Amino acid sequence: MEPVEVRFTNKLARELARYKLDLVSAQEVRWDKEDTVRTGDYNCFYGKQKINHQLGIGFLRNTE
């Protein structure tokens, strides 16, 4: 099974393409690490606060 980060970004990338959005931010991303996930035509950049997995933020950007 794929990690939750990959499943979420795949689903979100499909919706962004449907609405023709190039840049979207997400608040309260509570994933356990900082990383970049490539999915379709989008890159998802995300990170977190160093304490309590709170206040994380993510951005999805169209790469085309």
PDB file of N, CA and C in Angstrom:
ATOM      1  N   MET A   1       0.844  -1.189   0.000  1.00  0.00           N
ATOM      2  CA  MET A   1       0.000   0.000   0.000  1.00  0.00           C
ATOM      3  C   MET A   1       0.890   1.254   0.000  1.00  0.00           C
ATOM      4  N   GLU A   2       0.477   2.251  -0.738  1.00  0.00           N
ATOM      5  CA  GLU A   2       1.229   3.508  -0.822  1.00  0.00           C
ATOM      6  C   GLU A   2       1.117   4.292   0.484  1.00  0.00           C
ATOM      7  N   PRO A   3       2.127   5.092   0.808  1.00  0.00           N
ATOM      8  CA  PRO A   3       2.032   5.956   1.997  1.00  0.00           C
ATOM      9  C   PRO A   3       0.887   6.956   1.851  1.00  0.00           C
ATOM     10  N   VAL A   4       0.388   7.428   2.978  1.00  0.00           N
ATOM     11  CA  VAL A   4      -0.734   8.370   2.975  1.00  0.00           C
ATOM     12  C   VAL A   4      -0.386   9.641   2.191  1.00  0.00           C
ATOM     13  N   GLU A   5       0.856  10.074   2.250  1.00  0.00           N
ATOM     14  CA  GLU A   5       1.264  11.283   1.533  1.00  0.00           C
ATOM     15  C   GLU A   5       1.042  11.118   0.027  1.00  0.00           C
ATOM     16  N   VAL A   6       1.386   9.960  -0.501  1.00  0.00           N
ATOM     17  CA  VAL A   6       1.252   9.708  -1.936  1.00  0.00           C
ATOM     18  C   VAL A   6      -0.218   9.591  -2.325  1.00  0.00           C
ATOM     19  N   ARG A   7      -0.995   8.853  -1.542  1.00  0.00           N
ATOM     20  CA  ARG A   7      -2.427   8.714  -1.850  1.00  0.00           C
ATOM     21  C   ARG A   7      -3.125  10.066  -1.827  1.00  0.00           C
ATOM     22  N   PHE A   8      -2.828  10.882  -0.812  1.00  0.00           N
ATOM     23  CA  PHE A   8      -3.448  12.199  -0.699  1.00  0.00           C
ATOM     24  C   PHE A   8      -3.068  13.097  -1.863  1.00  0.00           C
ATOM     25  N   THR A   9      -1.776  13.149  -2.195  1.00  0.00           N
ATOM     26  CA  THR A   9      -1.340  14.048  -3.266  1.00  0.00           C
ATOM     27  C   THR A   9      -1.854  13.589  -4.623  1.00  0.00           C
ATOM     28  N   ASN A  10      -1.986  12.294  -4.841  1.00  0.00           N
ATOM     29  CA  ASN A  10      -2.574  11.807  -6.101  1.00  0.00           C
ATOM     30  C   ASN A  10      -4.007  12.293  -6.248  1.00  0.00           C
ATOM     31  N   LYS A  11      -4.782  12.142  -5.191  1.00  0.00           N
ATOM     32  CA  LYS A  11      -6.178  12.578  -5.225  1.00  0.00           C
ATOM     33  C   LYS A  11      -6.274  14.089  -5.397  1.00  0.00           C
ATOM     34  N   LEU A  12      -5.468  14.826  -4.667  1.00  0.00           N
ATOM     35  CA  LEU A  12      -5.493  16.283  -4.760  1.00  0.00           C
ATOM     36  C   LEU A  12      -5.039  16.770  -6.131  1.00  0.00           C
ATOM     37  N   ALA A  13      -4.036  16.131  -6.714  1.00  0.00           N
ATOM     38  CA  ALA A  13      -3.551  16.520  -8.042  1.00  0.00           C
ATOM     39  C   ALA A  13      -4.639  16.345  -9.097  1.00  0.00           C
ATOM     40  N   ARG A  14      -5.420  15.287  -8.980  1.00  0.00           N
ATOM     41  CA  ARG A  14      -6.530  15.103  -9.928  1.00  0.00           C
ATOM     42  C   ARG A  14      -7.541  16.243  -9.818  1.00  0.00           C
ATOM     43  N   GLU A  15      -7.848  16.654  -8.607  1.00  0.00           N
ATOM     44  CA  GLU A  15      -8.801  17.752  -8.412  1.00  0.00           C
ATOM     45  C   GLU A  15      -8.222  19.083  -8.904  1.00  0.00           C
ATOM     46  N   LEU A  16      -6.947  19.318  -8.666  1.00  0.00           N
ATOM     47  CA  LEU A  16      -6.321  20.557  -9.143  1.00  0.00           C
ATOM     48  C   LEU A  16      -6.338  20.627 -10.659  1.00  0.00           C
ATOM     49  N   ALA A  17      -6.054  19.526 -11.320  1.00  0.00           N
ATOM     50  CA  ALA A  17      -6.087  19.483 -12.786  1.00  0.00           C
ATOM     51  C   ALA A  17      -7.506  19.733 -13.282  1.00  0.00           C
ATOM     52  N   ARG A  18      -8.472  19.174 -12.590  1.00  0.00           N
ATOM     53  CA  ARG A  18      -9.877  19.358 -12.980  1.00  0.00           C
ATOM     54  C   ARG A  18     -10.286  20.828 -12.936  1.00  0.00           C
ATOM     55  N   TYR A  19      -9.809  21.549 -11.929  1.00  0.00           N
ATOM     56  CA  TYR A  19     -10.137  22.971 -11.793  1.00  0.00           C
ATOM     57  C   TYR A  19      -9.096  23.887 -12.443  1.00  0.00           C
ATOM     58  N   LYS A  20      -8.087  23.284 -13.067  1.00  0.00           N
ATOM     59  CA  LYS A  20      -7.030  24.022 -13.773  1.00  0.00           C
ATOM     60  C   LYS A  20      -6.305  25.009 -12.856  1.00  0.00           C
ATOM     61  N   LEU A  21      -5.936  24.534 -11.677  1.00  0.00           N
ATOM     62  CA  LEU A  21      -5.200  25.350 -10.710  1.00  0.00           C
ATOM     63  C   LEU A  21      -3.711  25.024 -10.810  1.00  0.00           C
ATOM     64  N   ASP A  22      -2.874  26.054 -10.687  1.00  0.00           N
ATOM     65  CA  ASP A  22      -1.436  25.853 -10.794  1.00  0.00           C
ATOM     66  C   ASP A  22      -0.713  25.840  -9.453  1.00  0.00           C
ATOM     67  N   LEU A  23      -1.286  26.487  -8.450  1.00  0.00           N
ATOM     68  CA  LEU A  23      -0.625  26.589  -7.149  1.00  0.00           C
ATOM     69  C   LEU A  23      -1.681  26.582  -6.056  1.00  0.00           C
ATOM     70  N   VAL A  24      -1.506  25.698  -5.087  1.00  0.00           N
ATOM     71  CA  VAL A  24      -2.449  25.586  -3.974  1.00  0.00           C
ATOM     72  C   VAL A  24      -1.656  25.343  -2.705  1.00  0.00           C
ATOM     73  N   SER A  25      -2.087  25.950  -1.611  1.00  0.00           N
ATOM     74  CA  SER A  25      -1.454  25.681  -0.322  1.00  0.00           C
ATOM     75  C   SER A  25      -2.415  24.899   0.559  1.00  0.00           C
ATOM     76  N   ALA A  26      -1.850  24.125   1.461  1.00  0.00           N
ATOM     77  CA  ALA A  26      -2.639  23.339   2.409  1.00  0.00           C
ATOM     78  C   ALA A  26      -2.127  23.627   3.811  1.00  0.00           C
ATOM     79  N   GLN A  27      -3.024  23.925   4.714  1.00  0.00           N
ATOM     80  CA  GLN A  27      -2.649  24.191   6.101  1.00  0.00           C
ATOM     81  C   GLN A  27      -2.885  22.953   6.945  1.00  0.00           C
ATOM     82  N   GLU A  28      -2.231  22.930   8.098  1.00  0.00           N
ATOM     83  CA  GLU A  28      -2.380  21.839   9.066  1.00  0.00           C
ATOM     84  C   GLU A  28      -2.019  20.477   8.482  1.00  0.00           C
ATOM     85  N   VAL A  29      -0.954  20.443   7.698  1.00  0.00           N
ATOM     86  CA  VAL A  29      -0.427  19.174   7.206  1.00  0.00           C
ATOM     87  C   VAL A  29       0.318  18.535   8.372  1.00  0.00           C
ATOM     88  N   ARG A  30      -0.148  17.404   8.847  1.00  0.00           N
ATOM     89  CA  ARG A  30       0.422  16.796  10.059  1.00  0.00           C
ATOM     90  C   ARG A  30       1.177  15.507   9.748  1.00  0.00           C
ATOM     91  N   TRP A  31       1.832  15.467   8.617  1.00  0.00           N
ATOM     92  CA  TRP A  31       2.621  14.295   8.278  1.00  0.00           C
ATOM     93  C   TRP A  31       3.919  14.334   9.067  1.00  0.00           C
ATOM     94  N   ASP A  32       4.541  13.197   9.232  1.00  0.00           N
ATOM     95  CA  ASP A  32       5.631  13.031  10.179  1.00  0.00           C
ATOM     96  C   ASP A  32       6.997  13.496   9.687  1.00  0.00           C
ATOM     97  N   LYS A  33       7.106  14.022   8.498  1.00  0.00           N
ATOM     98  CA  LYS A  33       8.421  14.411   7.987  1.00  0.00           C
ATOM     99  C   LYS A  33       8.287  15.586   7.033  1.00  0.00           C
ATOM    100  N   GLU A  34       9.401  16.003   6.476  1.00  0.00           N
ATOM    101  CA  GLU A  34       9.426  17.025   5.428  1.00  0.00           C
ATOM    102  C   GLU A  34       9.888  16.335   4.162  1.00  0.00           C
ATOM    103  N   ASP A  35       9.214  16.633   3.045  1.00  0.00           N
ATOM    104  CA  ASP A  35       9.565  15.915   1.823  1.00  0.00           C
ATOM    105  C   ASP A  35       8.947  16.613   0.619  1.00  0.00           C
ATOM    106  N   THR A  36       9.255  16.093  -0.553  1.00  0.00           N
ATOM    107  CA  THR A  36       8.629  16.497  -1.804  1.00  0.00           C
ATOM    108  C   THR A  36       8.119  15.243  -2.487  1.00  0.00           C
ATOM    109  N   VAL A  37       6.865  15.284  -2.921  1.00  0.00           N
ATOM    110  CA  VAL A  37       6.266  14.145  -3.618  1.00  0.00           C
ATOM    111  C   VAL A  37       5.866  14.609  -5.005  1.00  0.00           C
ATOM    112  N   ARG A  38       6.300  13.888  -6.014  1.00  0.00           N
ATOM    113  CA  ARG A  38       5.929  14.179  -7.404  1.00  0.00           C
ATOM    114  C   ARG A  38       4.742  13.297  -7.763  1.00  0.00           C
ATOM    115  N   THR A  39       3.668  13.912  -8.248  1.00  0.00           N
ATOM    116  CA  THR A  39       2.492  13.148  -8.651  1.00  0.00           C
ATOM    117  C   THR A  39       1.891  13.781  -9.899  1.00  0.00           C
ATOM    118  N   GLY A  40       1.894  13.043 -10.977  1.00  0.00           N
ATOM    119  CA  GLY A  40       1.375  13.580 -12.232  1.00  0.00           C
ATOM    120  C   GLY A  40       2.148  14.817 -12.645  1.00  0.00           C
ATOM    121  N   ASP A  41       1.430  15.910 -12.894  1.00  0.00           N
ATOM    122  CA  ASP A  41       2.051  17.176 -13.293  1.00  0.00           C
ATOM    123  C   ASP A  41       2.302  18.093 -12.110  1.00  0.00           C
ATOM    124  N   TYR A  42       2.254  17.588 -10.895  1.00  0.00           N
ATOM    125  CA  TYR A  42       2.371  18.424  -9.699  1.00  0.00           C
ATOM    126  C   TYR A  42       3.486  17.939  -8.783  1.00  0.00           C
ATOM    127  N   ASN A  43       4.117  18.894  -8.124  1.00  0.00           N
ATOM    128  CA  ASN A  43       5.031  18.623  -7.023  1.00  0.00           C
ATOM    129  C   ASN A  43       4.353  19.071  -5.749  1.00  0.00           C
ATOM    130  N   CYS A  44       4.411  18.244  -4.718  1.00  0.00           N
ATOM    131  CA  CYS A  44       3.871  18.596  -3.415  1.00  0.00           C
ATOM    132  C   CYS A  44       5.043  18.760  -2.464  1.00  0.00           C
ATOM    133  N   PHE A  45       5.216  19.959  -1.941  1.00  0.00           N
ATOM    134  CA  PHE A  45       6.251  20.270  -0.963  1.00  0.00           C
ATOM    135  C   PHE A  45       5.553  20.398   0.390  1.00  0.00           C
ATOM    136  N   TYR A  46       6.041  19.713   1.405  1.00  0.00           N
ATOM    137  CA  TYR A  46       5.399  19.823   2.708  1.00  0.00           C
ATOM    138  C   TYR A  46       6.421  19.731   3.826  1.00  0.00           C
ATOM    139  N   GLY A  47       6.052  20.304   4.948  1.00  0.00           N
ATOM    140  CA  GLY A  47       6.911  20.288   6.120  1.00  0.00           C
ATOM    141  C   GLY A  47       6.074  20.461   7.368  1.00  0.00           C
ATOM    142  N   LYS A  48       6.736  20.396   8.515  1.00  0.00           N
ATOM    143  CA  LYS A  48       6.020  20.483   9.783  1.00  0.00           C
ATOM    144  C   LYS A  48       6.830  21.275  10.785  1.00  0.00           C
ATOM    145  N   GLN A  49       6.145  21.671  11.848  1.00  0.00           N
ATOM    146  CA  GLN A  49       6.837  22.261  12.978  1.00  0.00           C
ATOM    147  C   GLN A  49       7.602  21.157  13.683  1.00  0.00           C
ATOM    148  N   LYS A  50       8.640  21.466  14.357  1.00  0.00           N
ATOM    149  CA  LYS A  50       9.484  20.454  14.982  1.00  0.00           C
ATOM    150  C   LYS A  50       8.844  19.796  16.208  1.00  0.00           C
ATOM    151  N   ILE A  51       7.768  20.375  16.720  1.00  0.00           N
ATOM    152  CA  ILE A  51       7.137  19.865  17.942  1.00  0.00           C
ATOM    153  C   ILE A  51       5.686  19.487  17.655  1.00  0.00           C
ATOM    154  N   ASN A  52       5.252  18.345  18.127  1.00  0.00           N
ATOM    155  CA  ASN A  52       3.844  17.938  18.151  1.00  0.00           C
ATOM    156  C   ASN A  52       3.189  17.736  16.787  1.00  0.00           C
ATOM    157  N   HIS A  53       3.902  17.700  15.713  1.00  0.00           N
ATOM    158  CA  HIS A  53       3.309  17.484  14.387  1.00  0.00           C
ATOM    159  C   HIS A  53       2.183  18.484  14.088  1.00  0.00           C
ATOM    160  N   GLN A  54       2.304  19.696  14.546  1.00  0.00           N
ATOM    161  CA  GLN A  54       1.287  20.710  14.314  1.00  0.00           C
ATOM    162  C   GLN A  54       1.851  21.818  13.440  1.00  0.00           C
ATOM    163  N   LEU A  55       0.954  22.610  12.917  1.00  0.00           N
ATOM    164  CA  LEU A  55       1.311  23.808  12.144  1.00  0.00           C
ATOM    165  C   LEU A  55       2.090  23.490  10.875  1.00  0.00           C
ATOM    166  N   GLY A  56       1.923  22.303  10.333  1.00  0.00           N
ATOM    167  CA  GLY A  56       2.580  21.963   9.078  1.00  0.00           C
ATOM    168  C   GLY A  56       1.895  22.663   7.919  1.00  0.00           C
ATOM    169  N   ILE A  57       2.624  22.807   6.839  1.00  0.00           N
ATOM    170  CA  ILE A  57       2.074  23.459   5.652  1.00  0.00           C
ATOM    171  C   ILE A  57       2.570  22.719   4.421  1.00  0.00           C
ATOM    172  N   GLY A  58       1.766  22.744   3.382  1.00  0.00           N
ATOM    173  CA  GLY A  58       2.155  22.114   2.134  1.00  0.00           C
ATOM    174  C   GLY A  58       1.751  22.981   0.955  1.00  0.00           C
ATOM    175  N   PHE A  59       2.439  22.799  -0.158  1.00  0.00           N
ATOM    176  CA  PHE A  59       2.131  23.498  -1.403  1.00  0.00           C
ATOM    177  C   PHE A  59       2.133  22.478  -2.525  1.00  0.00           C
ATOM    178  N   LEU A  60       1.185  22.595  -3.417  1.00  0.00           N
ATOM    179  CA  LEU A  60       1.202  21.821  -4.641  1.00  0.00           C
ATOM    180  C   LEU A  60       1.369  22.783  -5.797  1.00  0.00           C
ATOM    181  N   ARG A  61       2.340  22.497  -6.654  1.00  0.00           N
ATOM    182  CA  ARG A  61       2.643  23.388  -7.772  1.00  0.00           C
ATOM    183  C   ARG A  61       2.655  22.595  -9.066  1.00  0.00           C
ATOM    184  N   ASN A  62       1.991  23.143 -10.074  1.00  0.00           N
ATOM    185  CA  ASN A  62       1.992  22.527 -11.389  1.00  0.00           C
ATOM    186  C   ASN A  62       3.374  22.688 -12.006  1.00  0.00           C
ATOM    187  N   THR A  63       3.894  21.631 -12.572  1.00  0.00           N
ATOM    188  CA  THR A  63       5.251  21.671 -13.133  1.00  0.00           C
ATOM    189  C   THR A  63       5.260  21.972 -14.617  1.00  0.00           C
ATOM    190  N   GLU A  64       4.114  22.094 -15.237  1.00  0.00           N
ATOM    191  CA  GLU A  64       4.087  22.386 -16.676  1.00  0.00           C
ATOM    192  C   GLU A  64       4.212  23.860 -16.946  1.00  0.00           C
TER     193      GLU A  64
END
